[in-house]
PDB file of N, CA and C in Angstrom:
ATOM      1  N   UNK A   1     103.919 108.015 104.608  1.00  0.00           N
ATOM      2  CA  UNK A   1     103.012 107.536 103.596  1.00  0.00           C
ATOM      3  C   UNK A   1     101.957 108.603 103.348  1.00  0.00           C
ATOM      4  N   UNK A   2     101.617 108.838 102.105  1.00  0.00           N
ATOM      5  CA  UNK A   2     100.638 109.876 101.798  1.00  0.00           C
ATOM      6  C   UNK A   2      99.228 109.414 102.125  1.00  0.00           C
ATOM      7  N   UNK A   3      98.399 110.356 102.493  1.00  0.00           N
ATOM      8  CA  UNK A   3      97.002 110.074 102.858  1.00  0.00           C
ATOM      9  C   UNK A   3      96.196 109.794 101.603  1.00  0.00           C
ATOM     10  N   UNK A   4      95.409 108.733 101.601  1.00  0.00           N
ATOM     11  CA  UNK A   4      94.589 108.341 100.458  1.00  0.00           C
ATOM     12  C   UNK A   4      93.136 108.727 100.713  1.00  0.00           C
ATOM     13  N   UNK A   5      92.820 109.993 100.740  1.00  0.00           N
ATOM     14  CA  UNK A   5      91.440 110.402 100.916  1.00  0.00           C
ATOM     15  C   UNK A   5      90.836 110.722  99.566  1.00  0.00           C
ATOM     16  N   UNK A   6      89.516 110.620  99.509  1.00  0.00           N
ATOM     17  CA  UNK A   6      88.773 110.890  98.282  1.00  0.00           C
ATOM     18  C   UNK A   6      89.483 110.289  97.071  1.00  0.00           C
ATOM     19  N   UNK A   7      89.640 108.957  97.053  1.00  0.00           N
ATOM     20  CA  UNK A   7      90.372 108.328  95.962  1.00  0.00           C
ATOM     21  C   UNK A   7      89.649 108.456  94.636  1.00  0.00           C
ATOM     22  N   UNK A   8      90.442 108.480  93.608  1.00  0.00           N
ATOM     23  CA  UNK A   8      89.856 108.414  92.268  1.00  0.00           C
ATOM     24  C   UNK A   8      89.427 106.976  92.045  1.00  0.00           C
ATOM     25  N   UNK A   9      88.361 106.797  91.292  1.00  0.00           N
ATOM     26  CA  UNK A   9      87.956 105.437  90.969  1.00  0.00           C
ATOM     27  C   UNK A   9      87.294 105.446  89.608  1.00  0.00           C
ATOM     28  N   UNK A  10      87.189 104.278  89.033  1.00  0.00           N
ATOM     29  CA  UNK A  10      86.526 104.150  87.747  1.00  0.00           C
ATOM     30  C   UNK A  10      85.923 102.775  87.614  1.00  0.00           C
ATOM     31  N   UNK A  11      84.885 102.686  86.812  1.00  0.00           N
ATOM     32  CA  UNK A  11      84.327 101.382  86.484  1.00  0.00           C
ATOM     33  C   UNK A  11      85.065 100.865  85.269  1.00  0.00           C
ATOM     34  N   UNK A  12      85.537  99.646  85.323  1.00  0.00           N
ATOM     35  CA  UNK A  12      86.250  99.054  84.197  1.00  0.00           C
ATOM     36  C   UNK A  12      85.608  97.728  83.834  1.00  0.00           C
ATOM     37  N   UNK A  13      85.752  97.355  82.598  1.00  0.00           N
ATOM     38  CA  UNK A  13      85.202  96.100  82.125  1.00  0.00           C
ATOM     39  C   UNK A  13      86.329  95.166  81.730  1.00  0.00           C
ATOM     40  N   UNK A  14      86.129  93.897  82.005  1.00  0.00           N
ATOM     41  CA  UNK A  14      87.097  92.887  81.600  1.00  0.00           C
ATOM     42  C   UNK A  14      86.680  92.251  80.290  1.00  0.00           C
ATOM     43  N   UNK A  15      85.826  92.942  79.538  1.00  0.00           N
ATOM     44  CA  UNK A  15      85.301  92.399  78.293  1.00  0.00           C
ATOM     45  C   UNK A  15      86.386  92.069  77.291  1.00  0.00           C
ATOM     46  N   UNK A  16      86.196  90.975  76.570  1.00  0.00           N
ATOM     47  CA  UNK A  16      87.151  90.537  75.560  1.00  0.00           C
ATOM     48  C   UNK A  16      87.114  91.511  74.385  1.00  0.00           C
ATOM     49  N   UNK A  17      88.267  91.883  73.906  1.00  0.00           N
ATOM     50  CA  UNK A  17      88.356  92.738  72.744  1.00  0.00           C
ATOM     51  C   UNK A  17      88.304  94.225  73.049  1.00  0.00           C
ATOM     52  N   UNK A  18      88.139  94.587  74.300  1.00  0.00           N
ATOM     53  CA  UNK A  18      88.121  95.998  74.654  1.00  0.00           C
ATOM     54  C   UNK A  18      89.544  96.471  74.935  1.00  0.00           C
ATOM     55  N   UNK A  19      89.809  97.683  74.526  1.00  0.00           N
ATOM     56  CA  UNK A  19      91.123  98.255  74.818  1.00  0.00           C
ATOM     57  C   UNK A  19      91.202  98.565  76.304  1.00  0.00           C
ATOM     58  N   UNK A  20      92.204  98.057  76.954  1.00  0.00           N
ATOM     59  CA  UNK A  20      92.370  98.280  78.387  1.00  0.00           C
ATOM     60  C   UNK A  20      92.972  99.656  78.644  1.00  0.00           C
ATOM     61  N   UNK A  21      92.402 100.323  79.627  1.00  0.00           N
ATOM     62  CA  UNK A  21      92.960 101.592  80.061  1.00  0.00           C
ATOM     63  C   UNK A  21      94.243 101.270  80.823  1.00  0.00           C
ATOM     64  N   UNK A  22      95.284 102.064  80.656  1.00  0.00           N
ATOM     65  CA  UNK A  22      96.513 101.790  81.413  1.00  0.00           C
ATOM     66  C   UNK A  22      96.229 101.776  82.908  1.00  0.00           C
ATOM     67  N   UNK A  23      96.832 100.832  83.615  1.00  0.00           N
ATOM     68  CA  UNK A  23      96.618 100.714  85.047  1.00  0.00           C
ATOM     69  C   UNK A  23      97.305 101.869  85.758  1.00  0.00           C
ATOM     70  N   UNK A  24      96.620 102.456  86.714  1.00  0.00           N
ATOM     71  CA  UNK A  24      97.136 103.574  87.496  1.00  0.00           C
ATOM     72  C   UNK A  24      97.028 103.192  88.969  1.00  0.00           C
ATOM     73  N   UNK A  25      98.154 103.087  89.697  1.00  0.00           N
ATOM     74  CA  UNK A  25      98.097 102.661  91.097  1.00  0.00           C
ATOM     75  C   UNK A  25      97.370 103.652  92.002  1.00  0.00           C
ATOM     76  N   UNK A  26      97.118 104.862  91.544  1.00  0.00           N
ATOM     77  CA  UNK A  26      96.405 105.847  92.352  1.00  0.00           C
ATOM     78  C   UNK A  26      94.904 105.841  92.090  1.00  0.00           C
ATOM     79  N   UNK A  27      94.446 104.931  91.226  1.00  0.00           N
ATOM     80  CA  UNK A  27      93.025 104.824  90.911  1.00  0.00           C
ATOM     81  C   UNK A  27      92.556 103.441  91.347  1.00  0.00           C
ATOM     82  N   UNK A  28      91.467 103.411  92.091  1.00  0.00           N
ATOM     83  CA  UNK A  28      90.890 102.144  92.516  1.00  0.00           C
ATOM     84  C   UNK A  28      89.784 101.798  91.529  1.00  0.00           C
ATOM     85  N   UNK A  29      90.055 100.828  90.679  1.00  0.00           N
ATOM     86  CA  UNK A  29      89.097 100.426  89.652  1.00  0.00           C
ATOM     87  C   UNK A  29      88.066  99.467  90.238  1.00  0.00           C
ATOM     88  N   UNK A  30      86.811  99.742  89.935  1.00  0.00           N
ATOM     89  CA  UNK A  30      85.716  98.865  90.334  1.00  0.00           C
ATOM     90  C   UNK A  30      85.231  98.159  89.069  1.00  0.00           C
ATOM     91  N   UNK A  31      85.421  96.848  88.977  1.00  0.00           N
ATOM     92  CA  UNK A  31      84.982  96.140  87.776  1.00  0.00           C
ATOM     93  C   UNK A  31      83.473  96.274  87.547  1.00  0.00           C
ATOM     94  N   UNK A  32      83.088  96.582  86.308  1.00  0.00           N
ATOM     95  CA  UNK A  32      81.667  96.741  85.967  1.00  0.00           C
ATOM     96  C   UNK A  32      80.870  95.496  86.329  1.00  0.00           C
ATOM     97  N   UNK A  33      81.470  94.331  86.133  1.00  0.00           N
ATOM     98  CA  UNK A  33      80.768  93.084  86.409  1.00  0.00           C
ATOM     99  C   UNK A  33      80.438  92.965  87.890  1.00  0.00           C
ATOM    100  N   UNK A  34      81.348  93.379  88.766  1.00  0.00           N
ATOM    101  CA  UNK A  34      81.090  93.352  90.203  1.00  0.00           C
ATOM    102  C   UNK A  34      79.961  94.323  90.543  1.00  0.00           C
ATOM    103  N   UNK A  35      80.027  95.523  89.995  1.00  0.00           N
ATOM    104  CA  UNK A  35      78.984  96.520  90.254  1.00  0.00           C
ATOM    105  C   UNK A  35      77.626  96.005  89.787  1.00  0.00           C
ATOM    106  N   UNK A  36      77.568  95.442  88.588  1.00  0.00           N
ATOM    107  CA  UNK A  36      76.296  94.952  88.050  1.00  0.00           C
ATOM    108  C   UNK A  36      75.726  93.830  88.912  1.00  0.00           C
ATOM    109  N   UNK A  37      76.562  92.909  89.347  1.00  0.00           N
ATOM    110  CA  UNK A  37      76.101  91.799  90.181  1.00  0.00           C
ATOM    111  C   UNK A  37      75.584  92.301  91.519  1.00  0.00           C
ATOM    112  N   UNK A  38      76.321  93.226  92.133  1.00  0.00           N
ATOM    113  CA  UNK A  38      75.896  93.753  93.426  1.00  0.00           C
ATOM    114  C   UNK A  38      74.565  94.489  93.327  1.00  0.00           C
ATOM    115  N   UNK A  39      74.400  95.261  92.276  1.00  0.00           N
ATOM    116  CA  UNK A  39      73.157  96.014  92.104  1.00  0.00           C
ATOM    117  C   UNK A  39      71.998  95.068  91.792  1.00  0.00           C
ATOM    118  N   UNK A  40      72.245  94.072  90.942  1.00  0.00           N
ATOM    119  CA  UNK A  40      71.186  93.122  90.563  1.00  0.00           C
ATOM    120  C   UNK A  40      70.692  92.323  91.766  1.00  0.00           C
ATOM    121  N   UNK A  41      71.604  91.781  92.556  1.00  0.00           N
ATOM    122  CA  UNK A  41      71.216  90.893  93.646  1.00  0.00           C
ATOM    123  C   UNK A  41      71.140  91.582  95.003  1.00  0.00           C
ATOM    124  N   UNK A  42      71.826  92.707  95.146  1.00  0.00           N
ATOM    125  CA  UNK A  42      71.847  93.372  96.440  1.00  0.00           C
ATOM    126  C   UNK A  42      70.971  94.601  96.530  1.00  0.00           C
ATOM    127  N   UNK A  43      70.480  95.075  95.376  1.00  0.00           N
ATOM    128  CA  UNK A  43      69.618  96.255  95.378  1.00  0.00           C
ATOM    129  C   UNK A  43      70.324  97.468  95.977  1.00  0.00           C
ATOM    130  N   UNK A  44      69.633  98.132  96.896  1.00  0.00           N
ATOM    131  CA  UNK A  44      70.197  99.333  97.516  1.00  0.00           C
ATOM    132  C   UNK A  44      71.479  99.020  98.294  1.00  0.00           C
ATOM    133  N   UNK A  45      71.500  97.876  98.979  1.00  0.00           N
ATOM    134  CA  UNK A  45      72.706  97.500  99.726  1.00  0.00           C
ATOM    135  C   UNK A  45      73.881  97.293  98.770  1.00  0.00           C
ATOM    136  N   UNK A  46      73.623  96.724  97.606  1.00  0.00           N
ATOM    137  CA  UNK A  46      74.675  96.538  96.609  1.00  0.00           C
ATOM    138  C   UNK A  46      75.185  97.864  96.070  1.00  0.00           C
ATOM    139  N   UNK A  47      74.270  98.796  95.824  1.00  0.00           N
ATOM    140  CA  UNK A  47      74.676 100.138  95.369  1.00  0.00           C
ATOM    141  C   UNK A  47      75.546 100.830  96.416  1.00  0.00           C
ATOM    142  N   UNK A  48      75.128 100.713  97.680  1.00  0.00           N
ATOM    143  CA  UNK A  48      75.896 101.329  98.764  1.00  0.00           C
ATOM    144  C   UNK A  48      77.286 100.697  98.875  1.00  0.00           C
ATOM    145  N   UNK A  49      77.352  99.380  98.734  1.00  0.00           N
ATOM    146  CA  UNK A  49      78.640  98.677  98.779  1.00  0.00           C
ATOM    147  C   UNK A  49      79.570  99.189  97.689  1.00  0.00           C
ATOM    148  N   UNK A  50      79.069  99.274  96.464  1.00  0.00           N
ATOM    149  CA  UNK A  50      79.891  99.739  95.338  1.00  0.00           C
ATOM    150  C   UNK A  50      80.305 101.192  95.542  1.00  0.00           C
ATOM    151  N   UNK A  51      79.379 102.030  95.976  1.00  0.00           N
ATOM    152  CA  UNK A  51      79.689 103.447  96.185  1.00  0.00           C
ATOM    153  C   UNK A  51      80.759 103.637  97.269  1.00  0.00           C
ATOM    154  N   UNK A  52      80.757 102.780  98.276  1.00  0.00           N
ATOM    155  CA  UNK A  52      81.704 102.910  99.385  1.00  0.00           C
ATOM    156  C   UNK A  52      83.059 102.251  99.124  1.00  0.00           C
ATOM    157  N   UNK A  53      83.143 101.382  98.114  1.00  0.00           N
ATOM    158  CA  UNK A  53      84.373 100.617  97.882  1.00  0.00           C
ATOM    159  C   UNK A  53      85.634 101.466  97.728  1.00  0.00           C
ATOM    160  N   UNK A  54      85.630 102.509  96.908  1.00  0.00           N
ATOM    161  CA  UNK A  54      86.877 103.268  96.751  1.00  0.00           C
ATOM    162  C   UNK A  54      87.418 103.823  98.066  1.00  0.00           C
ATOM    163  N   UNK A  55      86.535 104.390  98.888  1.00  0.00           N
ATOM    164  CA  UNK A  55      87.005 104.942 100.160  1.00  0.00           C
ATOM    165  C   UNK A  55      87.395 103.843 101.131  1.00  0.00           C
ATOM    166  N   UNK A  56      86.629 102.729 101.160  1.00  0.00           N
ATOM    167  CA  UNK A  56      86.995 101.599 102.033  1.00  0.00           C
ATOM    168  C   UNK A  56      88.377 101.078 101.662  1.00  0.00           C
ATOM    169  N   UNK A  57      88.606 100.914 100.363  1.00  0.00           N
ATOM    170  CA  UNK A  57      89.913 100.426  99.915  1.00  0.00           C
ATOM    171  C   UNK A  57      91.013 101.401 100.325  1.00  0.00           C
ATOM    172  N   UNK A  58      90.792 102.683 100.079  1.00  0.00           N
ATOM    173  CA  UNK A  58      91.799 103.691 100.434  1.00  0.00           C
ATOM    174  C   UNK A  58      92.079 103.682 101.927  1.00  0.00           C
ATOM    175  N   UNK A  59      91.031 103.537 102.739  1.00  0.00           N
ATOM    176  CA  UNK A  59      91.215 103.519 104.191  1.00  0.00           C
ATOM    177  C   UNK A  59      92.068 102.333 104.635  1.00  0.00           C
ATOM    178  N   UNK A  60      91.764 101.138 104.089  1.00  0.00           N
ATOM    179  CA  UNK A  60      92.548  99.957 104.466  1.00  0.00           C
ATOM    180  C   UNK A  60      93.966 100.027 103.919  1.00  0.00           C
ATOM    181  N   UNK A  61      94.138 100.521 102.705  1.00  0.00           N
ATOM    182  CA  UNK A  61      95.491 100.666 102.155  1.00  0.00           C
ATOM    183  C   UNK A  61      96.330 101.551 103.060  1.00  0.00           C
ATOM    184  N   UNK A  62      95.737 102.645 103.514  1.00  0.00           N
ATOM    185  CA  UNK A  62      96.474 103.556 104.385  1.00  0.00           C
ATOM    186  C   UNK A  62      96.705 102.950 105.771  1.00  0.00           C
ATOM    187  N   UNK A  63      95.642 102.401 106.369  1.00  0.00           N
ATOM    188  CA  UNK A  63      95.739 101.868 107.729  1.00  0.00           C
ATOM    189  C   UNK A  63      96.812 100.796 107.838  1.00  0.00           C
ATOM    190  N   UNK A  64      96.872  99.921 106.849  1.00  0.00           N
ATOM    191  CA  UNK A  64      97.816  98.810 106.897  1.00  0.00           C
ATOM    192  C   UNK A  64      99.078  99.071 106.078  1.00  0.00           C
ATOM    193  N   UNK A  65      99.225 100.307 105.611  1.00  0.00           N
ATOM    194  CA  UNK A  65     100.407 100.723 104.845  1.00  0.00           C
ATOM    195  C   UNK A  65     100.672  99.794 103.658  1.00  0.00           C
ATOM    196  N   UNK A  66      99.611  99.513 102.926  1.00  0.00           N
ATOM    197  CA  UNK A  66      99.707  98.645 101.756  1.00  0.00           C
ATOM    198  C   UNK A  66      99.875  99.491 100.503  1.00  0.00           C
ATOM    199  N   UNK A  67     100.514  98.889  99.500  1.00  0.00           N
ATOM    200  CA  UNK A  67     100.665  99.556  98.203  1.00  0.00           C
ATOM    201  C   UNK A  67     100.033  98.666  97.149  1.00  0.00           C
ATOM    202  N   UNK A  68      99.063  99.236  96.418  1.00  0.00           N
ATOM    203  CA  UNK A  68      98.403  98.479  95.357  1.00  0.00           C
ATOM    204  C   UNK A  68      99.413  98.211  94.249  1.00  0.00           C
ATOM    205  N   UNK A  69      99.468  96.957  93.783  1.00  0.00           N
ATOM    206  CA  UNK A  69     100.499  96.574  92.819  1.00  0.00           C
ATOM    207  C   UNK A  69      99.952  96.098  91.474  1.00  0.00           C
ATOM    208  N   UNK A  70      98.651  96.064  91.336  1.00  0.00           N
ATOM    209  CA  UNK A  70      98.105  95.583  90.068  1.00  0.00           C
ATOM    210  C   UNK A  70      96.627  95.827  89.950  1.00  0.00           C
ATOM    211  N   UNK A  71      96.078  95.383  88.832  1.00  0.00           N
ATOM    212  CA  UNK A  71      94.654  95.554  88.555  1.00  0.00           C
ATOM    213  C   UNK A  71      93.817  94.741  89.544  1.00  0.00           C
ATOM    214  N   UNK A  72      92.612  95.229  89.829  1.00  0.00           N
ATOM    215  CA  UNK A  72      91.752  94.510  90.764  1.00  0.00           C
ATOM    216  C   UNK A  72      91.224  93.213  90.163  1.00  0.00           C
ATOM    217  N   UNK A  73      90.863  92.322  91.058  1.00  0.00           N
ATOM    218  CA  UNK A  73      90.186  91.079  90.706  1.00  0.00           C
ATOM    219  C   UNK A  73      88.869  91.085  91.466  1.00  0.00           C
ATOM    220  N   UNK A  74      87.960  90.195  91.099  1.00  0.00           N
ATOM    221  CA  UNK A  74      86.687  90.154  91.811  1.00  0.00           C
ATOM    222  C   UNK A  74      86.003  88.829  91.601  1.00  0.00           C
ATOM    223  N   UNK A  75      85.083  88.554  92.504  1.00  0.00           N
ATOM    224  CA  UNK A  75      84.134  87.464  92.373  1.00  0.00           C
ATOM    225  C   UNK A  75      82.776  88.124  92.334  1.00  0.00           C
ATOM    226  N   UNK A  76      81.763  87.457  92.828  1.00  0.00           N
ATOM    227  CA  UNK A  76      80.434  88.071  92.811  1.00  0.00           C
ATOM    228  C   UNK A  76      80.189  88.966  94.011  1.00  0.00           C
ATOM    229  N   UNK A  77      81.027  88.819  95.068  1.00  0.00           N
ATOM    230  CA  UNK A  77      80.739  89.544  96.304  1.00  0.00           C
ATOM    231  C   UNK A  77      81.904  90.363  96.837  1.00  0.00           C
ATOM    232  N   UNK A  78      83.025  90.408  96.139  1.00  0.00           N
ATOM    233  CA  UNK A  78      84.184  91.090  96.720  1.00  0.00           C
ATOM    234  C   UNK A  78      85.103  91.666  95.654  1.00  0.00           C
ATOM    235  N   UNK A  79      85.783  92.718  96.048  1.00  0.00           N
ATOM    236  CA  UNK A  79      86.861  93.305  95.257  1.00  0.00           C
ATOM    237  C   UNK A  79      88.159  92.853  95.901  1.00  0.00           C
ATOM    238  N   UNK A  80      89.106  92.393  95.101  1.00  0.00           N
ATOM    239  CA  UNK A  80      90.397  91.944  95.619  1.00  0.00           C
ATOM    240  C   UNK A  80      91.492  92.751  94.933  1.00  0.00           C
ATOM    241  N   UNK A  81      92.293  93.434  95.736  1.00  0.00           N
ATOM    242  CA  UNK A  81      93.399  94.228  95.202  1.00  0.00           C
ATOM    243  C   UNK A  81      94.717  93.538  95.490  1.00  0.00           C
ATOM    244  N   UNK A  82      95.547  93.306  94.477  1.00  0.00           N
ATOM    245  CA  UNK A  82      96.893  92.807  94.749  1.00  0.00           C
ATOM    246  C   UNK A  82      97.684  93.951  95.387  1.00  0.00           C
ATOM    247  N   UNK A  83      98.372  93.645  96.476  1.00  0.00           N
ATOM    248  CA  UNK A  83      99.083  94.675  97.225  1.00  0.00           C
ATOM    249  C   UNK A  83     100.439  94.158  97.697  1.00  0.00           C
ATOM    250  N   UNK A  84     101.239  95.081  98.194  1.00  0.00           N
ATOM    251  CA  UNK A  84     102.478  94.749  98.913  1.00  0.00           C
ATOM    252  C   UNK A  84     102.368  95.329 100.301  1.00  0.00           C
ATOM    253  N   UNK A  85     102.850  94.565 101.273  1.00  0.00           N
ATOM    254  CA  UNK A  85     102.955  95.053 102.641  1.00  0.00           C
ATOM    255  C   UNK A  85     104.168  95.976 102.731  1.00  0.00           C
ATOM    256  N   UNK A  86     104.320  96.698 103.842  1.00  0.00           N
ATOM    257  CA  UNK A  86     105.459  97.615 103.967  1.00  0.00           C
ATOM    258  C   UNK A  86     106.821  96.936 103.769  1.00  0.00           C
ATOM    259  N   UNK A  87     106.906  95.637 104.100  1.00  0.00           N
ATOM    260  CA  UNK A  87     108.170  94.911 103.917  1.00  0.00           C
ATOM    261  C   UNK A  87     108.279  94.301 102.527  1.00  0.00           C
ATOM    262  N   UNK A  88     107.438  94.725 101.601  1.00  0.00           N
ATOM    263  CA  UNK A  88     107.321  94.295 100.202  1.00  0.00           C
ATOM    264  C   UNK A  88     106.861  92.840 100.010  1.00  0.00           C
ATOM    265  N   UNK A  89     106.297  92.256 101.051  1.00  0.00           N
ATOM    266  CA  UNK A  89     105.696  90.935 100.924  1.00  0.00           C
ATOM    267  C   UNK A  89     104.415  91.060 100.104  1.00  0.00           C
ATOM    268  N   UNK A  90     104.238  90.243  99.058  1.00  0.00           N
ATOM    269  CA  UNK A  90     102.998  90.288  98.294  1.00  0.00           C
ATOM    270  C   UNK A  90     101.820  89.823  99.152  1.00  0.00           C
ATOM    271  N   UNK A  91     100.684  90.443  98.929  1.00  0.00           N
ATOM    272  CA  UNK A  91      99.470  90.091  99.668  1.00  0.00           C
ATOM    273  C   UNK A  91      98.268  90.474  98.816  1.00  0.00           C
ATOM    274  N   UNK A  92      97.087  90.290  99.365  1.00  0.00           N
ATOM    275  CA  UNK A  92      95.852  90.693  98.694  1.00  0.00           C
ATOM    276  C   UNK A  92      94.929  91.327  99.720  1.00  0.00           C
ATOM    277  N   UNK A  93      94.269  92.390  99.324  1.00  0.00           N
ATOM    278  CA  UNK A  93      93.271  93.053 100.155  1.00  0.00           C
ATOM    279  C   UNK A  93      91.905  92.700  99.579  1.00  0.00           C
ATOM    280  N   UNK A  94      91.107  91.969 100.350  1.00  0.00           N
ATOM    281  CA  UNK A  94      89.778  91.553  99.901  1.00  0.00           C
ATOM    282  C   UNK A  94      88.737  92.378 100.644  1.00  0.00           C
ATOM    283  N   UNK A  95      87.887  93.049  99.880  1.00  0.00           N
ATOM    284  CA  UNK A  95      86.816  93.864 100.443  1.00  0.00           C
ATOM    285  C   UNK A  95      85.492  93.247 100.027  1.00  0.00           C
ATOM    286  N   UNK A  96      84.852  92.570 100.966  1.00  0.00           N
ATOM    287  CA  UNK A  96      83.624  91.831 100.666  1.00  0.00           C
ATOM    288  C   UNK A  96      82.394  92.614 101.091  1.00  0.00           C
ATOM    289  N   UNK A  97      81.308  92.331 100.419  1.00  0.00           N
ATOM    290  CA  UNK A  97      80.023  92.921 100.782  1.00  0.00           C
ATOM    291  C   UNK A  97      79.588  92.350 102.125  1.00  0.00           C
ATOM    292  N   UNK A  98      79.046  93.186 102.988  1.00  0.00           N
ATOM    293  CA  UNK A  98      78.634  92.736 104.318  1.00  0.00           C
ATOM    294  C   UNK A  98      77.532  91.703 104.271  1.00  0.00           C
ATOM    295  N   UNK A  99      76.669  91.765 103.270  1.00  0.00           N
ATOM    296  CA  UNK A  99      75.570  90.806 103.224  1.00  0.00           C
ATOM    297  C   UNK A  99      76.075  89.381 103.064  1.00  0.00           C
ATOM    298  N   UNK A 100      77.308  89.203 102.592  1.00  0.00           N
ATOM    299  CA  UNK A 100      77.870  87.853 102.481  1.00  0.00           C
ATOM    300  C   UNK A 100      78.027  87.256 103.869  1.00  0.00           C
ATOM    301  N   UNK A 101      78.592  88.013 104.805  1.00  0.00           N
ATOM    302  CA  UNK A 101      78.761  87.528 106.172  1.00  0.00           C
ATOM    303  C   UNK A 101      77.420  87.269 106.830  1.00  0.00           C
ATOM    304  N   UNK A 102      76.477  88.172 106.626  1.00  0.00           N
ATOM    305  CA  UNK A 102      75.150  87.994 107.192  1.00  0.00           C
ATOM    306  C   UNK A 102      74.509  86.740 106.615  1.00  0.00           C
ATOM    307  N   UNK A 103      74.663  86.523 105.309  1.00  0.00           N
ATOM    308  CA  UNK A 103      74.115  85.330 104.679  1.00  0.00           C
ATOM    309  C   UNK A 103      74.710  84.062 105.243  1.00  0.00           C
ATOM    310  N   UNK A 104      75.992  84.053 105.499  1.00  0.00           N
ATOM    311  CA  UNK A 104      76.628  82.855 106.075  1.00  0.00           C
ATOM    312  C   UNK A 104      76.112  82.591 107.481  1.00  0.00           C
ATOM    313  N   UNK A 105      75.914  83.637 108.269  1.00  0.00           N
ATOM    314  CA  UNK A 105      75.391  83.475 109.623  1.00  0.00           C
ATOM    315  C   UNK A 105      73.985  82.890 109.568  1.00  0.00           C
ATOM    316  N   UNK A 106      73.141  83.435 108.680  1.00  0.00           N
ATOM    317  CA  UNK A 106      71.770  82.931 108.565  1.00  0.00           C
ATOM    318  C   UNK A 106      71.747  81.471 108.125  1.00  0.00           C
ATOM    319  N   UNK A 107      72.589  81.121 107.151  1.00  0.00           N
ATOM    320  CA  UNK A 107      72.642  79.730 106.699  1.00  0.00           C
ATOM    321  C   UNK A 107      73.095  78.809 107.825  1.00  0.00           C
ATOM    322  N   UNK A 108      74.085  79.244 108.592  1.00  0.00           N
ATOM    323  CA  UNK A 108      74.567  78.426 109.701  1.00  0.00           C
ATOM    324  C   UNK A 108      73.484  78.266 110.767  1.00  0.00           C
ATOM    325  N   UNK A 109      72.752  79.346 111.045  1.00  0.00           N
ATOM    326  CA  UNK A 109      71.674  79.245 112.044  1.00  0.00           C
ATOM    327  C   UNK A 109      70.577  78.317 111.570  1.00  0.00           C
ATOM    328  N   UNK A 110      70.247  78.385 110.281  1.00  0.00           N
ATOM    329  CA  UNK A 110      69.218  77.508 109.735  1.00  0.00           C
ATOM    330  C   UNK A 110      69.642  76.045 109.818  1.00  0.00           C
ATOM    331  N   UNK A 111      70.933  75.812 109.691  1.00  0.00           N
ATOM    332  CA  UNK A 111      71.454  74.442 109.743  1.00  0.00           C
ATOM    333  C   UNK A 111      71.652  73.981 111.195  1.00  0.00           C
ATOM    334  N   UNK A 112      71.372  74.878 112.171  1.00  0.00           N
ATOM    335  CA  UNK A 112      71.491  74.505 113.565  1.00  0.00           C
ATOM    336  C   UNK A 112      72.888  74.630 114.128  1.00  0.00           C
ATOM    337  N   UNK A 113      73.766  75.323 113.412  1.00  0.00           N
ATOM    338  CA  UNK A 113      75.144  75.494 113.899  1.00  0.00           C
ATOM    339  C   UNK A 113      75.248  76.832 114.616  1.00  0.00           C
ATOM    340  N   UNK A 114      76.122  76.876 115.595  1.00  0.00           N
ATOM    341  CA  UNK A 114      76.421  78.117 116.293  1.00  0.00           C
ATOM    342  C   UNK A 114      77.362  78.962 115.441  1.00  0.00           C
ATOM    343  N   UNK A 115      77.204  80.278 115.493  1.00  0.00           N
ATOM    344  CA  UNK A 115      78.131  81.176 114.816  1.00  0.00           C
ATOM    345  C   UNK A 115      78.769  82.063 115.853  1.00  0.00           C
ATOM    346  N   UNK A 116      80.009  82.414 115.584  1.00  0.00           N
ATOM    347  CA  UNK A 116      80.700  83.215 116.592  1.00  0.00           C
ATOM    348  C   UNK A 116      81.306  84.446 116.077  1.00  0.00           C
TER     349      UNK A 116
END
């Protein structure tokens, strides 16, 4: 499997009526909406998350021998890449912002629940 270092990436928009750039499996697209949300609510941590996403994705794709099979999806806190495992089983690689996990721990502690 080829090494995925210094991946190419681009910001893309899912805006209605925009001409879509052809999908390229060697480019990790970061949706503009995800970047904007992370920067708006996460500040510097959100910027760092977005800046690190292409390399994080490339590292996990390589480590787990995954092949990206389609355009990325996202919510407000994560990038999700449709992938195939080495045995061609369809899967998804979800790369979430760390502050989401920290937020869940804090909420659980406030509610008096143990976190592990």
